[in-house]
Amino acid sequence: MYKRILVATDGSALSDKAVEAGLSLAGLSGATVVALKVVPRYPRSYFEGGMPVDMVDVKRIEQQWGDAAQALVDKVKAQGSAEGVTVKAVVAKSDLVAEAVISAAKKHKCDLIVMASHGRKGIKRLLLGSETQHVLTHSHIPVLVLR
């Protein structure tokens, strides 16, 4: 069935459902899991009135975000271990979350992507966008979406 499943997580309760589903499916099919958390880069504002942030502070903040992301995917790895599923914990740094998910799935030769969708509609979807929708429409790898 599946050999390698990418599970994208952001640490929300909704993405926890995707993690549970991905691990369960991996357990049933004998697949390994790639647990992925995408971390954005610190925004740099060059507009008039923007507060300049010292590069030391930017690096410190990005390091904190990276450490939190690593702790999150390590937690998924431990959860997988408890269920007898092999999990590789991966953190990607990118401002383009959907593209990072697709890229990681290709890089790790995954044959399924499991992720959650917040199910935004109307103006919220227009303003906030949908990373899941972007993955669905741009990935050639099948996607399982949980709500």
N, C-alpha and C. Protein backbone atom coordinates (compact mmCIF):
# COMPACT_ATOMS: atom_id res chain seq x y z
N MET A 1 0.84 -1.18 0.00
CA MET A 1 0.00 0.00 0.00
C MET A 1 0.89 1.25 0.00
N TYR A 2 1.20 1.77 1.17
CA TYR A 2 2.09 2.94 1.26
C TYR A 2 3.40 2.51 1.90
N LYS A 3 4.49 3.13 1.45
CA LYS A 3 5.80 2.81 2.02
C LYS A 3 6.32 3.94 2.89
N ARG A 4 6.03 5.18 2.48
CA ARG A 4 6.52 6.33 3.24
C ARG A 4 5.45 7.42 3.23
N ILE A 5 5.03 7.84 4.41
CA ILE A 5 3.95 8.82 4.56
C ILE A 5 4.50 10.07 5.21
N LEU A 6 4.27 11.21 4.55
CA LEU A 6 4.65 12.49 5.15
C LEU A 6 3.46 13.01 5.94
N VAL A 7 3.68 13.34 7.21
CA VAL A 7 2.64 13.92 8.05
C VAL A 7 3.08 15.33 8.41
N ALA A 8 2.33 16.32 7.91
CA ALA A 8 2.63 17.72 8.21
C ALA A 8 1.90 18.12 9.49
N THR A 9 2.62 18.79 10.37
CA THR A 9 2.02 19.20 11.64
C THR A 9 2.41 20.63 11.97
N ASP A 10 1.49 21.32 12.65
CA ASP A 10 1.81 22.66 13.14
C ASP A 10 1.62 22.74 14.66
N GLY A 11 1.30 21.60 15.26
CA GLY A 11 1.13 21.54 16.70
C GLY A 11 -0.28 21.85 17.18
N SER A 12 -1.18 22.19 16.26
CA SER A 12 -2.56 22.49 16.65
C SER A 12 -3.31 21.20 16.95
N ALA A 13 -4.46 21.33 17.62
CA ALA A 13 -5.28 20.16 17.92
C ALA A 13 -5.74 19.49 16.63
N LEU A 14 -6.01 20.29 15.62
CA LEU A 14 -6.44 19.74 14.34
C LEU A 14 -5.32 18.94 13.67
N SER A 15 -4.11 19.46 13.70
CA SER A 15 -3.01 18.71 13.09
C SER A 15 -2.65 17.48 13.92
N ASP A 16 -2.98 17.49 15.20
CA ASP A 16 -2.79 16.29 16.02
C ASP A 16 -3.63 15.13 15.47
N LYS A 17 -4.82 15.46 14.94
CA LYS A 17 -5.67 14.43 14.32
C LYS A 17 -4.98 13.85 13.09
N ALA A 18 -4.33 14.72 12.32
CA ALA A 18 -3.60 14.25 11.13
C ALA A 18 -2.45 13.35 11.55
N VAL A 19 -1.76 13.72 12.62
CA VAL A 19 -0.65 12.89 13.12
C VAL A 19 -1.17 11.52 13.53
N GLU A 20 -2.26 11.50 14.28
CA GLU A 20 -2.84 10.22 14.72
C GLU A 20 -3.24 9.37 13.52
N ALA A 21 -3.89 9.99 12.54
CA ALA A 21 -4.33 9.25 11.35
C ALA A 21 -3.14 8.74 10.55
N GLY A 22 -2.11 9.58 10.39
CA GLY A 22 -0.92 9.17 9.64
C GLY A 22 -0.20 8.02 10.31
N LEU A 23 -0.04 8.09 11.62
CA LEU A 23 0.63 7.02 12.35
C LEU A 23 -0.19 5.73 12.30
N SER A 24 -1.50 5.85 12.42
CA SER A 24 -2.38 4.68 12.36
C SER A 24 -2.29 4.01 10.99
N LEU A 25 -2.36 4.82 9.94
CA LEU A 25 -2.26 4.29 8.58
C LEU A 25 -0.90 3.63 8.34
N ALA A 26 0.15 4.27 8.86
CA ALA A 26 1.50 3.69 8.72
C ALA A 26 1.58 2.35 9.46
N GLY A 27 0.98 2.28 10.62
CA GLY A 27 0.98 1.03 11.38
C GLY A 27 0.27 -0.08 10.64
N LEU A 28 -0.84 0.25 9.99
CA LEU A 28 -1.62 -0.75 9.25
C LEU A 28 -0.92 -1.20 7.97
N SER A 29 -0.20 -0.27 7.33
CA SER A 29 0.40 -0.59 6.03
C SER A 29 1.89 -0.93 6.11
N GLY A 30 2.47 -0.79 7.31
CA GLY A 30 3.89 -1.08 7.46
C GLY A 30 4.78 0.02 6.92
N ALA A 31 4.23 1.20 6.74
CA ALA A 31 4.99 2.33 6.19
C ALA A 31 5.79 3.04 7.27
N THR A 32 6.80 3.79 6.83
CA THR A 32 7.50 4.69 7.73
C THR A 32 6.87 6.07 7.57
N VAL A 33 7.11 6.93 8.54
CA VAL A 33 6.52 8.27 8.54
C VAL A 33 7.62 9.33 8.56
N VAL A 34 7.40 10.38 7.80
CA VAL A 34 8.23 11.58 7.87
C VAL A 34 7.36 12.64 8.51
N ALA A 35 7.69 13.02 9.75
CA ALA A 35 6.94 14.07 10.46
C ALA A 35 7.59 15.41 10.13
N LEU A 36 6.80 16.33 9.57
CA LEU A 36 7.33 17.61 9.09
C LEU A 36 6.69 18.79 9.77
N LYS A 37 7.51 19.71 10.21
CA LYS A 37 7.05 21.02 10.71
C LYS A 37 7.80 22.06 9.91
N VAL A 38 7.06 22.98 9.29
CA VAL A 38 7.67 24.06 8.52
C VAL A 38 7.72 25.31 9.40
N VAL A 39 8.92 25.88 9.48
CA VAL A 39 9.15 27.07 10.30
C VAL A 39 9.42 28.26 9.38
N PRO A 40 8.69 29.36 9.58
CA PRO A 40 8.94 30.54 8.74
C PRO A 40 10.22 31.25 9.15
N ARG A 41 10.73 32.02 8.26
CA ARG A 41 11.86 32.88 8.59
C ARG A 41 11.31 34.14 9.26
N TYR A 42 12.12 34.78 10.06
CA TYR A 42 11.69 35.98 10.75
C TYR A 42 11.41 37.08 9.71
N PRO A 43 10.24 37.72 9.77
CA PRO A 43 9.94 38.76 8.78
C PRO A 43 10.83 39.99 8.99
N ARG A 44 11.35 40.49 7.90
CA ARG A 44 12.18 41.69 7.97
C ARG A 44 11.43 42.82 7.28
N SER A 45 11.19 43.87 8.00
CA SER A 45 10.44 45.00 7.46
C SER A 45 11.39 46.10 7.02
N TYR A 46 11.23 46.49 5.78
CA TYR A 46 12.05 47.57 5.25
C TYR A 46 11.19 48.80 4.95
N PHE A 47 9.97 48.78 5.46
CA PHE A 47 9.07 49.90 5.22
C PHE A 47 9.33 51.01 6.22
N GLU A 48 9.01 52.22 5.81
CA GLU A 48 9.18 53.38 6.68
C GLU A 48 8.35 53.17 7.94
N GLY A 49 8.94 53.41 9.05
CA GLY A 49 8.24 53.23 10.32
C GLY A 49 8.42 51.85 10.92
N GLY A 50 8.98 50.94 10.16
CA GLY A 50 9.23 49.59 10.69
C GLY A 50 10.36 49.63 11.70
N MET A 51 10.24 48.84 12.72
CA MET A 51 11.27 48.79 13.75
C MET A 51 12.39 47.87 13.29
N PRO A 52 13.60 48.40 13.18
CA PRO A 52 14.72 47.52 12.81
C PRO A 52 15.02 46.57 13.98
N VAL A 53 15.25 45.34 13.63
CA VAL A 53 15.55 44.33 14.64
C VAL A 53 16.99 43.88 14.41
N ASP A 54 17.73 43.87 15.49
CA ASP A 54 19.13 43.46 15.44
C ASP A 54 19.23 42.01 14.94
N MET A 55 20.20 41.74 14.09
CA MET A 55 20.37 40.40 13.53
C MET A 55 20.62 39.33 14.60
N VAL A 56 21.23 39.73 15.69
CA VAL A 56 21.44 38.79 16.79
C VAL A 56 20.09 38.34 17.35
N ASP A 57 19.18 39.32 17.50
CA ASP A 57 17.84 38.99 18.00
C ASP A 57 17.07 38.12 17.00
N VAL A 58 17.21 38.44 15.72
CA VAL A 58 16.54 37.66 14.68
C VAL A 58 17.03 36.22 14.74
N LYS A 59 18.33 36.02 14.83
CA LYS A 59 18.89 34.66 14.89
C LYS A 59 18.41 33.93 16.15
N ARG A 60 18.33 34.66 17.27
CA ARG A 60 17.87 34.05 18.52
C ARG A 60 16.41 33.62 18.39
N ILE A 61 15.57 34.48 17.81
CA ILE A 61 14.15 34.16 17.64
C ILE A 61 13.99 32.97 16.69
N GLU A 62 14.70 33.00 15.57
CA GLU A 62 14.62 31.88 14.62
C GLU A 62 15.10 30.58 15.26
N GLN A 63 16.11 30.66 16.11
CA GLN A 63 16.60 29.48 16.82
C GLN A 63 15.52 28.94 17.76
N GLN A 64 14.83 29.84 18.46
CA GLN A 64 13.75 29.42 19.35
C GLN A 64 12.64 28.73 18.57
N TRP A 65 12.27 29.31 17.44
CA TRP A 65 11.24 28.70 16.60
C TRP A 65 11.69 27.33 16.11
N GLY A 66 12.94 27.24 15.70
CA GLY A 66 13.49 25.97 15.22
C GLY A 66 13.51 24.91 16.32
N ASP A 67 13.90 25.33 17.53
CA ASP A 67 13.94 24.40 18.66
C ASP A 67 12.54 23.89 19.00
N ALA A 68 11.56 24.80 18.98
CA ALA A 68 10.17 24.41 19.28
C ALA A 68 9.66 23.45 18.21
N ALA A 69 10.00 23.71 16.96
CA ALA A 69 9.58 22.83 15.87
C ALA A 69 10.22 21.45 16.02
N GLN A 70 11.51 21.42 16.36
CA GLN A 70 12.19 20.14 16.54
C GLN A 70 11.56 19.35 17.69
N ALA A 71 11.21 20.03 18.77
CA ALA A 71 10.56 19.37 19.91
C ALA A 71 9.22 18.77 19.46
N LEU A 72 8.51 19.49 18.60
CA LEU A 72 7.21 19.02 18.12
C LEU A 72 7.35 17.74 17.29
N VAL A 73 8.26 17.74 16.32
CA VAL A 73 8.43 16.53 15.49
C VAL A 73 9.07 15.39 16.27
N ASP A 74 9.89 15.72 17.26
CA ASP A 74 10.45 14.68 18.13
C ASP A 74 9.34 14.01 18.94
N LYS A 75 8.33 14.79 19.32
CA LYS A 75 7.17 14.25 20.05
C LYS A 75 6.41 13.27 19.16
N VAL A 76 6.25 13.64 17.87
CA VAL A 76 5.60 12.73 16.91
C VAL A 76 6.42 11.46 16.76
N LYS A 77 7.73 11.61 16.72
CA LYS A 77 8.62 10.45 16.61
C LYS A 77 8.44 9.52 17.81
N ALA A 78 8.36 10.09 19.00
CA ALA A 78 8.17 9.28 20.21
C ALA A 78 6.81 8.60 20.19
N GLN A 79 5.80 9.32 19.73
CA GLN A 79 4.45 8.75 19.63
C GLN A 79 4.46 7.57 18.64
N GLY A 80 5.15 7.75 17.53
CA GLY A 80 5.26 6.68 16.55
C GLY A 80 5.98 5.47 17.12
N SER A 81 7.05 5.72 17.85
CA SER A 81 7.82 4.63 18.47
C SER A 81 6.94 3.81 19.39
N ALA A 82 6.10 4.51 20.15
CA ALA A 82 5.20 3.84 21.09
C ALA A 82 4.19 2.96 20.34
N GLU A 83 3.91 3.33 19.08
CA GLU A 83 2.95 2.57 18.27
C GLU A 83 3.65 1.58 17.33
N GLY A 84 4.98 1.50 17.43
CA GLY A 84 5.72 0.58 16.59
C GLY A 84 5.94 1.07 15.17
N VAL A 85 5.87 2.39 14.98
CA VAL A 85 6.05 2.99 13.66
C VAL A 85 7.36 3.78 13.64
N THR A 86 8.15 3.57 12.60
CA THR A 86 9.40 4.32 12.44
C THR A 86 9.07 5.71 11.91
N VAL A 87 9.57 6.74 12.60
CA VAL A 87 9.30 8.13 12.23
C VAL A 87 10.61 8.89 12.10
N LYS A 88 10.74 9.62 11.00
CA LYS A 88 11.87 10.53 10.81
C LYS A 88 11.35 11.94 11.09
N ALA A 89 11.98 12.64 12.02
CA ALA A 89 11.57 13.99 12.40
C ALA A 89 12.30 15.01 11.53
N VAL A 90 11.54 15.86 10.83
CA VAL A 90 12.13 16.82 9.90
C VAL A 90 11.57 18.22 10.16
N VAL A 91 12.46 19.21 10.19
CA VAL A 91 12.07 20.61 10.28
C VAL A 91 12.57 21.30 9.02
N ALA A 92 11.67 22.03 8.36
CA ALA A 92 12.03 22.78 7.15
C ALA A 92 11.84 24.26 7.43
N LYS A 93 12.75 25.08 6.95
CA LYS A 93 12.64 26.53 7.12
C LYS A 93 12.22 27.14 5.79
N SER A 94 11.03 27.73 5.78
CA SER A 94 10.51 28.32 4.56
C SER A 94 9.32 29.22 4.88
N ASP A 95 9.17 30.28 4.10
CA ASP A 95 7.99 31.13 4.22
C ASP A 95 6.84 30.58 3.37
N LEU A 96 7.14 29.64 2.50
CA LEU A 96 6.15 29.03 1.62
C LEU A 96 5.84 27.63 2.13
N VAL A 97 4.88 27.55 3.04
CA VAL A 97 4.60 26.30 3.74
C VAL A 97 4.21 25.19 2.77
N ALA A 98 3.26 25.45 1.90
CA ALA A 98 2.78 24.41 0.98
C ALA A 98 3.91 23.90 0.09
N GLU A 99 4.71 24.81 -0.43
CA GLU A 99 5.83 24.40 -1.28
C GLU A 99 6.84 23.57 -0.49
N ALA A 100 7.05 23.92 0.77
CA ALA A 100 7.97 23.16 1.62
C ALA A 100 7.44 21.75 1.87
N VAL A 101 6.13 21.62 2.04
CA VAL A 101 5.51 20.31 2.25
C VAL A 101 5.71 19.44 1.00
N ILE A 102 5.40 20.01 -0.16
CA ILE A 102 5.55 19.26 -1.41
C ILE A 102 7.01 18.88 -1.65
N SER A 103 7.90 19.82 -1.42
CA SER A 103 9.33 19.58 -1.62
C SER A 103 9.84 18.47 -0.69
N ALA A 104 9.43 18.52 0.58
CA ALA A 104 9.86 17.49 1.53
C ALA A 104 9.31 16.12 1.15
N ALA A 105 8.08 16.09 0.67
CA ALA A 105 7.49 14.81 0.25
C ALA A 105 8.28 14.22 -0.92
N LYS A 106 8.67 15.07 -1.86
CA LYS A 106 9.47 14.59 -2.99
C LYS A 106 10.86 14.14 -2.53
N LYS A 107 11.49 14.97 -1.70
CA LYS A 107 12.85 14.68 -1.23
C LYS A 107 12.93 13.35 -0.50
N HIS A 108 11.92 13.07 0.31
CA HIS A 108 11.92 11.85 1.12
C HIS A 108 11.19 10.69 0.44
N LYS A 109 10.82 10.91 -0.84
CA LYS A 109 10.18 9.87 -1.65
C LYS A 109 8.91 9.32 -0.99
N CYS A 110 8.07 10.23 -0.50
CA CYS A 110 6.81 9.84 0.14
C CYS A 110 5.76 9.52 -0.92
N ASP A 111 4.90 8.57 -0.61
CA ASP A 111 3.83 8.25 -1.55
C ASP A 111 2.46 8.65 -1.03
N LEU A 112 2.42 9.38 0.09
CA LEU A 112 1.18 9.95 0.62
C LEU A 112 1.53 11.13 1.54
N ILE A 113 0.73 12.17 1.46
CA ILE A 113 0.86 13.31 2.38
C ILE A 113 -0.40 13.34 3.22
N VAL A 114 -0.24 13.44 4.54
CA VAL A 114 -1.37 13.55 5.45
C VAL A 114 -1.27 14.89 6.15
N MET A 115 -2.34 15.68 6.07
CA MET A 115 -2.33 16.98 6.72
C MET A 115 -3.76 17.39 7.07
N ALA A 116 -3.87 18.40 7.90
CA ALA A 116 -5.18 18.89 8.33
C ALA A 116 -5.53 20.15 7.57
N SER A 117 -6.83 20.44 7.54
CA SER A 117 -7.30 21.69 6.96
C SER A 117 -8.23 22.35 7.97
N HIS A 118 -8.05 23.64 8.13
CA HIS A 118 -8.90 24.37 9.06
C HIS A 118 -10.29 24.61 8.48
N GLY A 119 -10.45 24.37 7.17
CA GLY A 119 -11.77 24.49 6.55
C GLY A 119 -12.28 25.91 6.48
N ARG A 120 -11.38 26.87 6.34
CA ARG A 120 -11.82 28.26 6.24
C ARG A 120 -12.62 28.48 4.96
N LYS A 121 -13.60 29.36 5.04
CA LYS A 121 -14.42 29.68 3.88
C LYS A 121 -14.53 31.19 3.73
N GLY A 122 -14.96 31.60 2.57
CA GLY A 122 -15.26 33.00 2.33
C GLY A 122 -14.06 33.92 2.50
N ILE A 123 -14.30 35.02 3.17
CA ILE A 123 -13.28 36.08 3.30
C ILE A 123 -12.07 35.60 4.11
N LYS A 124 -12.30 34.75 5.11
CA LYS A 124 -11.18 34.23 5.90
C LYS A 124 -10.23 33.44 5.02
N ARG A 125 -10.79 32.63 4.12
CA ARG A 125 -9.94 31.85 3.22
C ARG A 125 -9.20 32.77 2.27
N LEU A 126 -9.88 33.80 1.79
CA LEU A 126 -9.26 34.75 0.87
C LEU A 126 -8.11 35.48 1.55
N LEU A 127 -8.30 35.90 2.78
CA LEU A 127 -7.27 36.66 3.50
C LEU A 127 -6.17 35.78 4.06
N LEU A 128 -6.53 34.64 4.61
CA LEU A 128 -5.56 33.78 5.27
C LEU A 128 -4.99 32.71 4.35
N GLY A 129 -5.67 32.44 3.25
CA GLY A 129 -5.19 31.44 2.32
C GLY A 129 -5.39 30.03 2.84
N SER A 130 -4.98 29.08 2.06
CA SER A 130 -5.10 27.69 2.47
C SER A 130 -3.87 26.93 1.99
N GLU A 131 -3.02 26.58 2.92
CA GLU A 131 -1.83 25.80 2.58
C GLU A 131 -2.25 24.42 2.07
N THR A 132 -3.28 23.85 2.70
CA THR A 132 -3.76 22.53 2.30
C THR A 132 -4.28 22.56 0.86
N GLN A 133 -5.04 23.58 0.52
CA GLN A 133 -5.56 23.70 -0.83
C GLN A 133 -4.42 23.79 -1.84
N HIS A 134 -3.39 24.54 -1.49
CA HIS A 134 -2.23 24.67 -2.39
C HIS A 134 -1.54 23.31 -2.58
N VAL A 135 -1.38 22.57 -1.51
CA VAL A 135 -0.77 21.24 -1.61
C VAL A 135 -1.64 20.33 -2.48
N LEU A 136 -2.95 20.37 -2.25
CA LEU A 136 -3.87 19.53 -3.03
C LEU A 136 -3.79 19.82 -4.53
N THR A 137 -3.67 21.09 -4.87
CA THR A 137 -3.71 21.46 -6.29
C THR A 137 -2.35 21.42 -6.97
N HIS A 138 -1.25 21.38 -6.21
CA HIS A 138 0.07 21.43 -6.83
C HIS A 138 0.91 20.17 -6.65
N SER A 139 0.48 19.26 -5.79
CA SER A 139 1.25 18.05 -5.54
C SER A 139 0.80 16.93 -6.46
N HIS A 140 1.76 16.15 -6.93
CA HIS A 140 1.44 14.96 -7.72
C HIS A 140 1.37 13.73 -6.82
N ILE A 141 1.62 13.95 -5.53
CA ILE A 141 1.56 12.89 -4.53
C ILE A 141 0.16 12.95 -3.90
N PRO A 142 -0.53 11.82 -3.71
CA PRO A 142 -1.85 11.84 -3.10
C PRO A 142 -1.83 12.49 -1.71
N VAL A 143 -2.92 13.19 -1.39
CA VAL A 143 -3.02 13.91 -0.12
C VAL A 143 -4.27 13.46 0.63
N LEU A 144 -4.11 13.09 1.90
CA LEU A 144 -5.22 12.77 2.77
C LEU A 144 -5.41 13.97 3.68
N VAL A 145 -6.61 14.57 3.64
CA VAL A 145 -6.88 15.79 4.41
C VAL A 145 -7.89 15.49 5.49
N LEU A 146 -7.57 15.93 6.72
CA LEU A 146 -8.49 15.74 7.84
C LEU A 146 -9.00 17.11 8.31
N ARG A 147 -10.25 17.13 8.72
CA ARG A 147 -10.86 18.36 9.26
C ARG A 147 -11.36 18.12 10.65
